[in-house]
């Protein structure tokens, strides 16, 4: 038989009841490696007279083209996402009022979280943040309201900040957990070509690495590395080949 394409990879937590299966998302590559240690027994000749295999290590790697917060949270960190996003408003255009009180409230002040800086739109130079009573070229901020100096009245500015958006998306917080905390999941791989299918089910896995990198003029493709181990019944993997139904 032949196989073509990257296939589909789905993980389901095995350490929590009634876990939701998670598609890794438009996988571009899936690599499965089996490596075993061997011990050779030699006599007086150059070649071994016996070889015994010791431990076997099974590892996998998946490169996905879809960013899945559920996959990150559940399969790697072992946490549950909650509704709502932490958003970034980058370079929100505003103008310092021409008269007192020289304050400007950002568009998303209701969910304001953190200030990330103010630029002079004309020069590109940053304003300096102070606690209160800003002088020329300075600003202060409280609850999404930015205060400027009278000397900067009328100037165009670009404000960057973060805010919460409760109506859409998901978020999760990563905490410093105790050593030994290990989210585990079963992993199902499937691919089909010309009416023939390959299915591989790994009984228990844990992710050893999560990679997230960006590149100019390219898509972000998160990478998951995982290691495979036996379940309570001693099962490690099931390989299946044949005609697709």
Foldseek 3Di string as FASTA:
>chain_A
DDFDFAFWKWKFWPVDPPTDIDTPAAWRHKDKDKDWDKDFDDDPDDHGPDMDTDDIWIKMKIWHQDDDPQCCCCQAQNHDWDAWDKDKDWFDKDWQAQDPPRKDADPQLVFFDWWDFKAQPVPRHTADEDCDDEDPSYWYDDSRMITHHNVRHGTMMTTMGIGMDRPGDIDDDHDDDDPPDWTKIKMWTWGDDPQKIKIKIFDIKHWPDWDWDDDPPDGIIIMTMMIWDADPVRDGMDIDITGDD
